[in-house]
Amino acid sequence: MFQQKRVQDPYGGTKMVMTNHFIERYYLRVFDQKELPHNNYDFLKRVIEKDMGDRITDRQKGNMLFLSSLPVSIVPFGNRHLLVIKNSKLVTITYVDKKEYLKKEQNN
């Protein structure tokens, strides 16, 4: 099963959980890294939290936290990605457009 990492809620409300699978996919799909730099998931989580904070506005953060209370929600993240949230857990991040994913795979 997934190990869980807590994500601080900037609004003081419900906290979201970041799974190891999410951390791995974030590095793969957002940072374009094929492998994690190391296996210290607490450090990697903090790097992702900072990056996410830099990429999205306070309004988007609020919307993401609001929608995280639903059983399953898919939230836009930037122009290229979607966050999949299930029961207040960040499960994975995927591409908005499958063609973009295939194009990236052909270039590697």
C-alpha atoms as a PDB file:
ATOM      1  CA  MET A   1       0.000   0.000   0.000  1.00  0.00           C
ATOM      2  CA  PHE A   2       1.055   3.623  -0.372  1.00  0.00           C
ATOM      3  CA  GLN A   3       3.093   5.306   2.318  1.00  0.00           C
ATOM      4  CA  GLN A   4       1.627   8.682   3.152  1.00  0.00           C
ATOM      5  CA  LYS A   5       3.249  12.073   3.625  1.00  0.00           C
ATOM      6  CA  ARG A   6       1.305  14.965   5.157  1.00  0.00           C
ATOM      7  CA  VAL A   7       1.073  18.230   3.233  1.00  0.00           C
ATOM      8  CA  GLN A   8       0.559  21.385   5.275  1.00  0.00           C
ATOM      9  CA  ASP A   9      -2.638  23.262   4.493  1.00  0.00           C
ATOM     10  CA  PRO A  10      -1.826  26.989   4.175  1.00  0.00           C
ATOM     11  CA  TYR A  11      -5.378  27.812   5.286  1.00  0.00           C
ATOM     12  CA  GLY A  12      -5.232  25.888   8.554  1.00  0.00           C
ATOM     13  CA  GLY A  13      -7.953  23.447   7.551  1.00  0.00           C
ATOM     14  CA  THR A  14      -7.891  19.846   6.395  1.00  0.00           C
ATOM     15  CA  LYS A  15      -4.474  18.488   5.523  1.00  0.00           C
ATOM     16  CA  MET A  16      -3.852  16.604   2.317  1.00  0.00           C
ATOM     17  CA  VAL A  17      -1.689  13.504   2.074  1.00  0.00           C
ATOM     18  CA  MET A  18       0.990  13.076  -0.580  1.00  0.00           C
ATOM     19  CA  THR A  19       1.589   9.433  -1.528  1.00  0.00           C
ATOM     20  CA  ASN A  20       4.986   8.112  -2.573  1.00  0.00           C
ATOM     21  CA  HIS A  21       3.474   7.286  -5.977  1.00  0.00           C
ATOM     22  CA  PHE A  22       2.519  10.958  -6.372  1.00  0.00           C
ATOM     23  CA  ILE A  23       6.057  12.041  -5.421  1.00  0.00           C
ATOM     24  CA  GLU A  24       7.558   9.690  -8.007  1.00  0.00           C
ATOM     25  CA  ARG A  25       5.174  10.783 -10.776  1.00  0.00           C
ATOM     26  CA  TYR A  26       5.670  14.463  -9.966  1.00  0.00           C
ATOM     27  CA  TYR A  27       9.423  14.095 -10.468  1.00  0.00           C
ATOM     28  CA  LEU A  28       8.858  12.133 -13.675  1.00  0.00           C
ATOM     29  CA  ARG A  29       6.209  14.359 -15.241  1.00  0.00           C
ATOM     30  CA  VAL A  30       6.776  17.859 -13.878  1.00  0.00           C
ATOM     31  CA  PHE A  31      10.529  17.885 -13.302  1.00  0.00           C
ATOM     32  CA  ASP A  32      11.167  15.607 -16.341  1.00  0.00           C
ATOM     33  CA  GLN A  33      13.467  13.319 -14.340  1.00  0.00           C
ATOM     34  CA  LYS A  34      13.430   9.606 -15.056  1.00  0.00           C
ATOM     35  CA  GLU A  35      14.692   8.713 -11.583  1.00  0.00           C
ATOM     36  CA  LEU A  36      14.392  10.213  -8.137  1.00  0.00           C
ATOM     37  CA  PRO A  37      17.585  11.940  -6.963  1.00  0.00           C
ATOM     38  CA  HIS A  38      17.465   9.821  -3.760  1.00  0.00           C
ATOM     39  CA  ASN A  39      15.007   7.873  -1.605  1.00  0.00           C
ATOM     40  CA  ASN A  40      14.483  10.449   1.151  1.00  0.00           C
ATOM     41  CA  TYR A  41      10.764  10.979   0.547  1.00  0.00           C
ATOM     42  CA  ASP A  42      10.448  13.586   3.307  1.00  0.00           C
ATOM     43  CA  PHE A  43      12.987  15.801   1.544  1.00  0.00           C
ATOM     44  CA  LEU A  44      11.428  15.138  -1.874  1.00  0.00           C
ATOM     45  CA  LYS A  45       8.013  16.021  -0.462  1.00  0.00           C
ATOM     46  CA  ARG A  46       9.303  19.389   0.769  1.00  0.00           C
ATOM     47  CA  VAL A  47      10.801  20.102  -2.680  1.00  0.00           C
ATOM     48  CA  ILE A  48       7.455  19.312  -4.320  1.00  0.00           C
ATOM     49  CA  GLU A  49       5.513  21.403  -1.786  1.00  0.00           C
ATOM     50  CA  LYS A  50       7.736  24.399  -2.567  1.00  0.00           C
ATOM     51  CA  ASP A  51       7.453  23.855  -6.321  1.00  0.00           C
ATOM     52  CA  MET A  52       3.673  23.496  -6.154  1.00  0.00           C
ATOM     53  CA  GLY A  53       3.470  26.652  -4.063  1.00  0.00           C
ATOM     54  CA  ASP A  54       5.446  28.530  -6.703  1.00  0.00           C
ATOM     55  CA  ARG A  55       3.360  27.202  -9.603  1.00  0.00           C
ATOM     56  CA  ILE A  56      -0.188  27.811  -8.366  1.00  0.00           C
ATOM     57  CA  THR A  57      -2.024  30.814  -6.961  1.00  0.00           C
ATOM     58  CA  ASP A  58      -3.701  31.054  -3.565  1.00  0.00           C
ATOM     59  CA  ARG A  59      -7.080  30.734  -5.271  1.00  0.00           C
ATOM     60  CA  GLN A  60      -6.008  27.512  -6.994  1.00  0.00           C
ATOM     61  CA  LYS A  61      -4.708  26.182  -3.657  1.00  0.00           C
ATOM     62  CA  GLY A  62      -8.043  26.955  -2.030  1.00  0.00           C
ATOM     63  CA  ASN A  63      -9.948  25.262  -4.851  1.00  0.00           C
ATOM     64  CA  MET A  64      -7.678  22.222  -4.658  1.00  0.00           C
ATOM     65  CA  LEU A  65      -8.219  21.910  -0.899  1.00  0.00           C
ATOM     66  CA  PHE A  66     -11.973  22.393  -1.295  1.00  0.00           C
ATOM     67  CA  LEU A  67     -12.230  19.707  -3.982  1.00  0.00           C
ATOM     68  CA  SER A  68     -10.015  17.327  -2.015  1.00  0.00           C
ATOM     69  CA  SER A  69     -12.929  16.619   0.334  1.00  0.00           C
ATOM     70  CA  LEU A  70     -14.740  14.826  -2.522  1.00  0.00           C
ATOM     71  CA  PRO A  71     -14.268  11.050  -2.890  1.00  0.00           C
ATOM     72  CA  VAL A  72     -12.396  11.594  -6.197  1.00  0.00           C
ATOM     73  CA  SER A  73     -11.488  14.820  -7.949  1.00  0.00           C
ATOM     74  CA  ILE A  74      -9.300  15.792 -10.882  1.00  0.00           C
ATOM     75  CA  VAL A  75      -7.859  19.287 -10.599  1.00  0.00           C
ATOM     76  CA  PRO A  76      -5.960  21.222 -13.286  1.00  0.00           C
ATOM     77  CA  PHE A  77      -2.343  21.952 -12.388  1.00  0.00           C
ATOM     78  CA  GLY A  78      -0.764  24.496 -14.687  1.00  0.00           C
ATOM     79  CA  ASN A  79      -1.427  24.134 -18.402  1.00  0.00           C
ATOM     80  CA  ARG A  80      -0.007  20.641 -18.877  1.00  0.00           C
ATOM     81  CA  HIS A  81      -1.033  18.485 -15.911  1.00  0.00           C
ATOM     82  CA  LEU A  82      -3.953  17.207 -13.858  1.00  0.00           C
ATOM     83  CA  LEU A  83      -3.808  16.266 -10.175  1.00  0.00           C
ATOM     84  CA  VAL A  84      -5.819  13.213  -9.141  1.00  0.00           C
ATOM     85  CA  ILE A  85      -7.037  13.514  -5.555  1.00  0.00           C
ATOM     86  CA  LYS A  86      -8.852  10.724  -3.759  1.00  0.00           C
ATOM     87  CA  ASN A  87     -10.132  11.109  -0.188  1.00  0.00           C
ATOM     88  CA  SER A  88      -7.767  14.030   0.531  1.00  0.00           C
ATOM     89  CA  LYS A  89      -4.770  12.128  -0.878  1.00  0.00           C
ATOM     90  CA  LEU A  90      -2.687  13.318  -3.808  1.00  0.00           C
ATOM     91  CA  VAL A  91      -2.658  10.048  -5.743  1.00  0.00           C
ATOM     92  CA  THR A  92      -0.980  10.917  -9.046  1.00  0.00           C
ATOM     93  CA  ILE A  93      -0.323  13.629 -11.583  1.00  0.00           C
ATOM     94  CA  THR A  94      -1.008  13.059 -15.259  1.00  0.00           C
ATOM     95  CA  TYR A  95      -0.821  14.956 -18.542  1.00  0.00           C
ATOM     96  CA  VAL A  96      -3.794  16.949 -19.796  1.00  0.00           C
ATOM     97  CA  ASP A  97      -3.131  15.824 -23.358  1.00  0.00           C
ATOM     98  CA  LYS A  98      -2.078  12.250 -24.125  1.00  0.00           C
ATOM     99  CA  LYS A  99      -0.419  13.443 -27.355  1.00  0.00           C
ATOM    100  CA  GLU A 100       2.001  15.526 -25.305  1.00  0.00           C
ATOM    101  CA  TYR A 101       2.957  12.442 -23.303  1.00  0.00           C
ATOM    102  CA  LEU A 102       3.554  10.393 -26.468  1.00  0.00           C
ATOM    103  CA  LYS A 103       5.599  13.183 -28.036  1.00  0.00           C
ATOM    104  CA  LYS A 104       7.767  13.386 -24.934  1.00  0.00           C
ATOM    105  CA  GLU A 105       8.302   9.607 -24.977  1.00  0.00           C
ATOM    106  CA  GLN A 106       9.399   9.722 -28.635  1.00  0.00           C
ATOM    107  CA  ASN A 107      11.979  12.422 -27.860  1.00  0.00           C
ATOM    108  CA  ASN A 108      13.590  10.279 -25.117  1.00  0.00           C
END
